[in-house]
Structure formats: C-alpha cells, structure tokens
Amino acid sequence: MKVYKSTNRIGQLVSFEVSNTLLGRKGFVRVLQKIPNMTILRTPKRILSWFREDDFCEFEINGKKFVAEEPFGDNDRYWVGESPCARTSPELDIIVNKFEKQKWPLGFGKN
C-alpha cells in the first residue's frame, strides 16, 4: 500500500498519509484491527460518512491516541497522526509499518 510520510526537521516521522483509492474508510479500520494492542475508539458513521465527517476514525495504541481524517471529505489520501497534535512516537512507526506491508485485496494474505 502506498504511504506518504511527513517528518519533522530532524527526519522523525510525525504523521503519514495513505492512498484511499482502493482502501476506503472501512478498509482503513480493518487494517488497524490487525495491529496488536490496538483499540478502535470511533469508526466511520454508516451512511455517507465521507460527506459528514472529515475526522472519521479515532484509535489508541499503548495509551497514545491517534486520528484519521480525509481533509475536505474528498481527498485521495487519508491523513494519520497523533491527537491532538502530530508528533513522533514508536506507536506511529508500528501503524505506518502495518499500512506499508498491507497486501491487496484486504482480508486475504497473512498481513
């Protein structure tokens, strides 16, 4: 899966974006659910979530809270970062690695 990393001035990962072309919001949540110690706090609404909410998913891993959003509701990427402000953490590395290793189609394979 294609991932676009955002780093701070010293090269540390602070957030990332993932292409949503084939993923979708529910697919995004399915990838998160495969991460050990992951707790999903809020998932996308059932009907027209892309129309009603830019921030569509909140989740937590090892006590760190993250958010996923689709800026303007019509972007071709989902942004992921720590909530309330993006900063570097080992948990973010775990999340981005899972998306980088995810194979298509979702639900198949060992990832």
N, C-alpha and C. Protein backbone atom coordinates (compact mmCIF):
# COMPACT_ATOMS: atom_id res chain seq x y z
N MET A 1 0.85 -1.16 0.00
CA MET A 1 0.00 0.00 0.00
C MET A 1 0.90 1.23 0.00
N LYS A 2 0.54 2.24 -0.76
CA LYS A 2 1.36 3.46 -0.87
C LYS A 2 1.15 4.35 0.35
N VAL A 3 2.27 4.72 0.99
CA VAL A 3 2.26 5.56 2.19
C VAL A 3 3.14 6.78 1.93
N TYR A 4 2.68 7.95 2.36
CA TYR A 4 3.41 9.20 2.21
C TYR A 4 3.73 9.71 3.61
N LYS A 5 5.01 9.74 3.95
CA LYS A 5 5.43 10.09 5.31
C LYS A 5 5.71 11.59 5.43
N SER A 6 5.34 12.16 6.59
CA SER A 6 5.67 13.54 6.93
C SER A 6 6.63 13.50 8.12
N THR A 7 7.73 14.21 8.00
CA THR A 7 8.73 14.19 9.06
C THR A 7 8.98 15.60 9.59
N ASN A 8 9.57 15.65 10.78
CA ASN A 8 9.96 16.95 11.34
C ASN A 8 11.32 17.36 10.78
N ARG A 9 11.88 18.45 11.29
CA ARG A 9 13.15 18.98 10.76
C ARG A 9 14.33 18.02 10.91
N ILE A 10 14.24 17.11 11.89
CA ILE A 10 15.36 16.19 12.07
C ILE A 10 15.06 14.79 11.51
N GLY A 11 14.03 14.71 10.69
CA GLY A 11 13.75 13.48 9.96
C GLY A 11 12.91 12.44 10.68
N GLN A 12 12.30 12.79 11.82
CA GLN A 12 11.47 11.83 12.55
C GLN A 12 10.04 11.87 12.02
N LEU A 13 9.44 10.71 11.90
CA LEU A 13 8.06 10.59 11.43
C LEU A 13 7.09 11.23 12.41
N VAL A 14 6.24 12.14 11.93
CA VAL A 14 5.24 12.77 12.79
C VAL A 14 3.81 12.50 12.33
N SER A 15 3.63 12.14 11.07
CA SER A 15 2.32 11.76 10.55
C SER A 15 2.54 11.08 9.21
N PHE A 16 1.48 10.52 8.66
CA PHE A 16 1.59 9.94 7.33
C PHE A 16 0.23 10.00 6.65
N GLU A 17 0.28 9.82 5.34
CA GLU A 17 -0.94 9.73 4.55
C GLU A 17 -0.91 8.42 3.81
N VAL A 18 -2.08 7.87 3.59
CA VAL A 18 -2.19 6.62 2.86
C VAL A 18 -3.24 6.80 1.77
N SER A 19 -2.93 6.29 0.59
CA SER A 19 -3.85 6.41 -0.53
C SER A 19 -5.16 5.69 -0.20
N ASN A 20 -6.28 6.34 -0.48
CA ASN A 20 -7.57 5.73 -0.18
C ASN A 20 -8.28 5.22 -1.42
N THR A 21 -7.60 5.19 -2.55
CA THR A 21 -8.23 4.81 -3.81
C THR A 21 -8.91 3.44 -3.73
N LEU A 22 -8.23 2.45 -3.22
CA LEU A 22 -8.81 1.11 -3.09
C LEU A 22 -9.15 0.75 -1.65
N LEU A 23 -8.73 1.58 -0.73
CA LEU A 23 -8.83 1.25 0.69
C LEU A 23 -10.22 1.51 1.26
N GLY A 24 -10.71 2.73 1.16
CA GLY A 24 -11.99 3.09 1.77
C GLY A 24 -11.86 3.22 3.27
N ARG A 25 -12.84 3.86 3.88
CA ARG A 25 -12.79 4.10 5.32
C ARG A 25 -12.93 2.82 6.12
N LYS A 26 -13.79 1.95 5.72
CA LYS A 26 -13.95 0.68 6.45
C LYS A 26 -12.71 -0.21 6.27
N GLY A 27 -12.11 -0.17 5.10
CA GLY A 27 -10.87 -0.91 4.87
C GLY A 27 -9.74 -0.38 5.74
N PHE A 28 -9.71 0.93 5.93
CA PHE A 28 -8.72 1.54 6.81
C PHE A 28 -8.85 0.95 8.22
N VAL A 29 -10.07 0.87 8.72
CA VAL A 29 -10.31 0.32 10.06
C VAL A 29 -9.92 -1.15 10.11
N ARG A 30 -10.19 -1.90 9.05
CA ARG A 30 -9.81 -3.33 9.03
C ARG A 30 -8.30 -3.51 9.16
N VAL A 31 -7.52 -2.63 8.54
CA VAL A 31 -6.06 -2.71 8.68
C VAL A 31 -5.66 -2.43 10.12
N LEU A 32 -6.25 -1.39 10.72
CA LEU A 32 -5.94 -1.07 12.12
C LEU A 32 -6.24 -2.24 13.05
N GLN A 33 -7.33 -2.93 12.81
CA GLN A 33 -7.75 -4.02 13.68
C GLN A 33 -6.75 -5.17 13.70
N LYS A 34 -5.85 -5.22 12.74
CA LYS A 34 -4.84 -6.27 12.68
C LYS A 34 -3.60 -5.95 13.53
N ILE A 35 -3.55 -4.76 14.11
CA ILE A 35 -2.39 -4.34 14.89
C ILE A 35 -2.58 -4.75 16.36
N PRO A 36 -1.62 -5.47 16.93
CA PRO A 36 -1.72 -5.86 18.34
C PRO A 36 -1.81 -4.63 19.25
N ASN A 37 -2.57 -4.74 20.33
CA ASN A 37 -2.76 -3.68 21.33
C ASN A 37 -3.52 -2.46 20.79
N MET A 38 -4.18 -2.61 19.66
CA MET A 38 -4.93 -1.51 19.05
C MET A 38 -6.34 -1.48 19.63
N THR A 39 -6.80 -0.29 19.99
CA THR A 39 -8.18 -0.10 20.43
C THR A 39 -8.82 0.94 19.52
N ILE A 40 -9.89 0.56 18.85
CA ILE A 40 -10.62 1.49 17.99
C ILE A 40 -11.62 2.23 18.87
N LEU A 41 -11.51 3.54 18.91
CA LEU A 41 -12.37 4.37 19.76
C LEU A 41 -13.59 4.89 19.02
N ARG A 42 -13.43 5.17 17.72
CA ARG A 42 -14.55 5.67 16.91
C ARG A 42 -14.32 5.25 15.47
N THR A 43 -15.36 4.72 14.85
CA THR A 43 -15.30 4.30 13.46
C THR A 43 -16.17 5.20 12.60
N PRO A 44 -16.05 5.09 11.27
CA PRO A 44 -16.88 5.92 10.40
C PRO A 44 -18.37 5.65 10.60
N LYS A 45 -19.16 6.68 10.45
CA LYS A 45 -20.61 6.52 10.50
C LYS A 45 -21.04 5.63 9.35
N ARG A 46 -22.17 4.98 9.50
CA ARG A 46 -22.61 4.01 8.49
C ARG A 46 -23.00 4.64 7.16
N ILE A 47 -23.75 5.73 7.19
CA ILE A 47 -24.28 6.28 5.95
C ILE A 47 -23.58 7.58 5.61
N LEU A 48 -23.00 7.61 4.42
CA LEU A 48 -22.36 8.81 3.88
C LEU A 48 -21.34 9.45 4.83
N SER A 49 -20.50 8.65 5.44
CA SER A 49 -19.51 9.18 6.37
C SER A 49 -18.59 10.18 5.68
N TRP A 50 -18.25 9.94 4.42
CA TRP A 50 -17.36 10.84 3.69
C TRP A 50 -17.97 12.22 3.53
N PHE A 51 -19.30 12.31 3.56
CA PHE A 51 -20.00 13.58 3.36
C PHE A 51 -20.12 14.35 4.67
N ARG A 52 -20.16 13.63 5.79
CA ARG A 52 -20.46 14.26 7.07
C ARG A 52 -19.27 14.49 7.98
N GLU A 53 -18.19 13.77 7.80
CA GLU A 53 -17.10 13.87 8.77
C GLU A 53 -15.73 13.75 8.12
N ASP A 54 -14.90 14.76 8.34
CA ASP A 54 -13.52 14.69 7.87
C ASP A 54 -12.71 13.75 8.77
N ASP A 55 -12.82 13.94 10.11
CA ASP A 55 -12.19 13.02 11.07
C ASP A 55 -13.12 11.82 11.21
N PHE A 56 -12.72 10.68 10.67
CA PHE A 56 -13.64 9.54 10.63
C PHE A 56 -13.24 8.39 11.55
N CYS A 57 -12.05 8.44 12.13
CA CYS A 57 -11.63 7.32 12.96
C CYS A 57 -10.68 7.81 14.06
N GLU A 58 -10.94 7.37 15.29
CA GLU A 58 -10.04 7.60 16.40
C GLU A 58 -9.63 6.24 16.95
N PHE A 59 -8.36 6.12 17.29
CA PHE A 59 -7.87 4.84 17.79
C PHE A 59 -6.71 5.09 18.73
N GLU A 60 -6.40 4.06 19.50
CA GLU A 60 -5.38 4.18 20.53
C GLU A 60 -4.51 2.93 20.52
N ILE A 61 -3.22 3.14 20.71
CA ILE A 61 -2.29 2.03 20.84
C ILE A 61 -1.28 2.40 21.93
N ASN A 62 -1.13 1.52 22.89
CA ASN A 62 -0.21 1.73 24.01
C ASN A 62 -0.44 3.07 24.71
N GLY A 63 -1.69 3.48 24.84
CA GLY A 63 -2.02 4.71 25.54
C GLY A 63 -1.90 5.99 24.72
N LYS A 64 -1.49 5.89 23.47
CA LYS A 64 -1.37 7.06 22.59
C LYS A 64 -2.58 7.10 21.66
N LYS A 65 -3.22 8.27 21.61
CA LYS A 65 -4.42 8.43 20.79
C LYS A 65 -4.06 9.02 19.43
N PHE A 66 -4.66 8.45 18.39
CA PHE A 66 -4.44 8.88 17.01
C PHE A 66 -5.78 9.17 16.34
N VAL A 67 -5.70 9.92 15.25
CA VAL A 67 -6.89 10.24 14.47
C VAL A 67 -6.57 10.04 12.99
N ALA A 68 -7.60 9.63 12.25
CA ALA A 68 -7.51 9.54 10.80
C ALA A 68 -8.54 10.49 10.21
N GLU A 69 -8.12 11.23 9.23
CA GLU A 69 -9.06 12.17 8.60
C GLU A 69 -8.85 12.20 7.10
N GLU A 70 -9.91 12.58 6.43
CA GLU A 70 -9.87 12.80 4.99
C GLU A 70 -10.14 14.29 4.80
N PRO A 71 -9.06 15.08 4.64
CA PRO A 71 -9.26 16.53 4.54
C PRO A 71 -10.26 16.91 3.45
N PHE A 72 -11.17 17.76 3.78
CA PHE A 72 -12.21 18.28 2.90
C PHE A 72 -13.19 17.22 2.44
N GLY A 73 -13.10 16.01 2.97
CA GLY A 73 -14.05 14.95 2.66
C GLY A 73 -13.94 14.38 1.26
N ASP A 74 -12.98 14.88 0.45
CA ASP A 74 -12.88 14.38 -0.92
C ASP A 74 -11.43 14.23 -1.37
N ASN A 75 -10.54 14.05 -0.44
CA ASN A 75 -9.13 13.90 -0.74
C ASN A 75 -8.87 12.48 -1.23
N ASP A 76 -7.75 12.27 -1.92
CA ASP A 76 -7.41 10.91 -2.38
C ASP A 76 -6.50 10.20 -1.39
N ARG A 77 -6.27 10.83 -0.21
CA ARG A 77 -5.45 10.23 0.84
C ARG A 77 -6.10 10.47 2.19
N TYR A 78 -5.83 9.53 3.10
CA TYR A 78 -6.21 9.71 4.50
C TYR A 78 -4.97 10.15 5.27
N TRP A 79 -5.13 11.16 6.12
CA TRP A 79 -4.04 11.64 6.97
C TRP A 79 -4.16 10.95 8.33
N VAL A 80 -3.02 10.53 8.89
CA VAL A 80 -2.99 9.86 10.19
C VAL A 80 -1.92 10.50 11.06
N GLY A 81 -2.32 10.87 12.28
CA GLY A 81 -1.35 11.45 13.21
C GLY A 81 -1.87 11.38 14.63
N GLU A 82 -0.98 11.67 15.56
CA GLU A 82 -1.36 11.63 16.97
C GLU A 82 -2.32 12.76 17.29
N SER A 83 -3.25 12.51 18.17
CA SER A 83 -4.24 13.50 18.57
C SER A 83 -3.92 13.97 19.98
N PRO A 84 -3.97 15.23 20.28
CA PRO A 84 -4.49 16.35 19.50
C PRO A 84 -3.48 16.99 18.55
N CYS A 85 -2.17 16.71 18.66
CA CYS A 85 -1.22 17.29 17.72
C CYS A 85 -0.23 16.22 17.27
N ALA A 86 0.14 16.29 16.01
CA ALA A 86 1.03 15.28 15.44
C ALA A 86 2.44 15.43 16.01
N ARG A 87 2.97 14.31 16.48
CA ARG A 87 4.35 14.27 16.98
C ARG A 87 4.89 12.85 16.80
N THR A 88 6.17 12.72 16.95
CA THR A 88 6.81 11.43 16.75
C THR A 88 6.55 10.48 17.92
N SER A 89 6.43 9.20 17.60
CA SER A 89 6.26 8.18 18.64
C SER A 89 6.52 6.81 18.03
N PRO A 90 6.96 5.85 18.86
CA PRO A 90 7.17 4.49 18.35
C PRO A 90 5.86 3.86 17.88
N GLU A 91 4.75 4.26 18.47
CA GLU A 91 3.44 3.72 18.07
C GLU A 91 3.09 4.12 16.64
N LEU A 92 3.45 5.33 16.26
CA LEU A 92 3.19 5.77 14.88
C LEU A 92 3.99 4.92 13.90
N ASP A 93 5.20 4.55 14.27
CA ASP A 93 6.01 3.67 13.42
C ASP A 93 5.32 2.32 13.24
N ILE A 94 4.74 1.78 14.30
CA ILE A 94 4.02 0.50 14.22
C ILE A 94 2.87 0.60 13.23
N ILE A 95 2.12 1.70 13.32
CA ILE A 95 0.95 1.88 12.46
C ILE A 95 1.36 2.02 11.00
N VAL A 96 2.34 2.89 10.72
CA VAL A 96 2.75 3.12 9.34
C VAL A 96 3.34 1.84 8.74
N ASN A 97 4.07 1.07 9.53
CA ASN A 97 4.63 -0.20 9.03
C ASN A 97 3.54 -1.17 8.63
N LYS A 98 2.45 -1.21 9.37
CA LYS A 98 1.34 -2.11 9.03
C LYS A 98 0.73 -1.72 7.69
N PHE A 99 0.55 -0.43 7.46
CA PHE A 99 -0.02 0.01 6.19
C PHE A 99 0.95 -0.23 5.04
N GLU A 100 2.24 -0.03 5.26
CA GLU A 100 3.22 -0.27 4.20
C GLU A 100 3.26 -1.74 3.79
N LYS A 101 3.06 -2.64 4.74
CA LYS A 101 3.14 -4.07 4.46
C LYS A 101 1.82 -4.69 4.01
N GLN A 102 0.73 -3.94 4.09
CA GLN A 102 -0.59 -4.46 3.75
C GLN A 102 -0.64 -4.85 2.28
N LYS A 103 -1.14 -6.03 2.00
CA LYS A 103 -1.28 -6.54 0.64
C LYS A 103 -2.73 -6.42 0.20
N TRP A 104 -2.94 -6.45 -1.12
CA TRP A 104 -4.29 -6.42 -1.68
C TRP A 104 -4.66 -7.80 -2.13
N PRO A 105 -5.91 -8.16 -2.14
CA PRO A 105 -7.03 -7.42 -1.58
C PRO A 105 -7.09 -7.58 -0.08
N LEU A 106 -7.72 -6.63 0.58
CA LEU A 106 -7.86 -6.68 2.03
C LEU A 106 -8.58 -7.95 2.44
N GLY A 107 -8.19 -8.48 3.56
CA GLY A 107 -8.86 -9.68 4.07
C GLY A 107 -8.16 -10.96 3.63
N PHE A 108 -7.24 -10.87 2.67
CA PHE A 108 -6.52 -12.05 2.23
C PHE A 108 -5.06 -11.90 2.58
N GLY A 109 -4.35 -12.98 2.64
CA GLY A 109 -2.93 -12.93 2.96
C GLY A 109 -2.70 -13.00 4.46
N LYS A 110 -1.47 -12.93 4.84
CA LYS A 110 -1.09 -13.09 6.24
C LYS A 110 -0.97 -11.76 6.98
N ASN A 111 -1.05 -10.63 6.30
CA ASN A 111 -0.86 -9.33 6.96
C ASN A 111 -2.09 -8.92 7.68
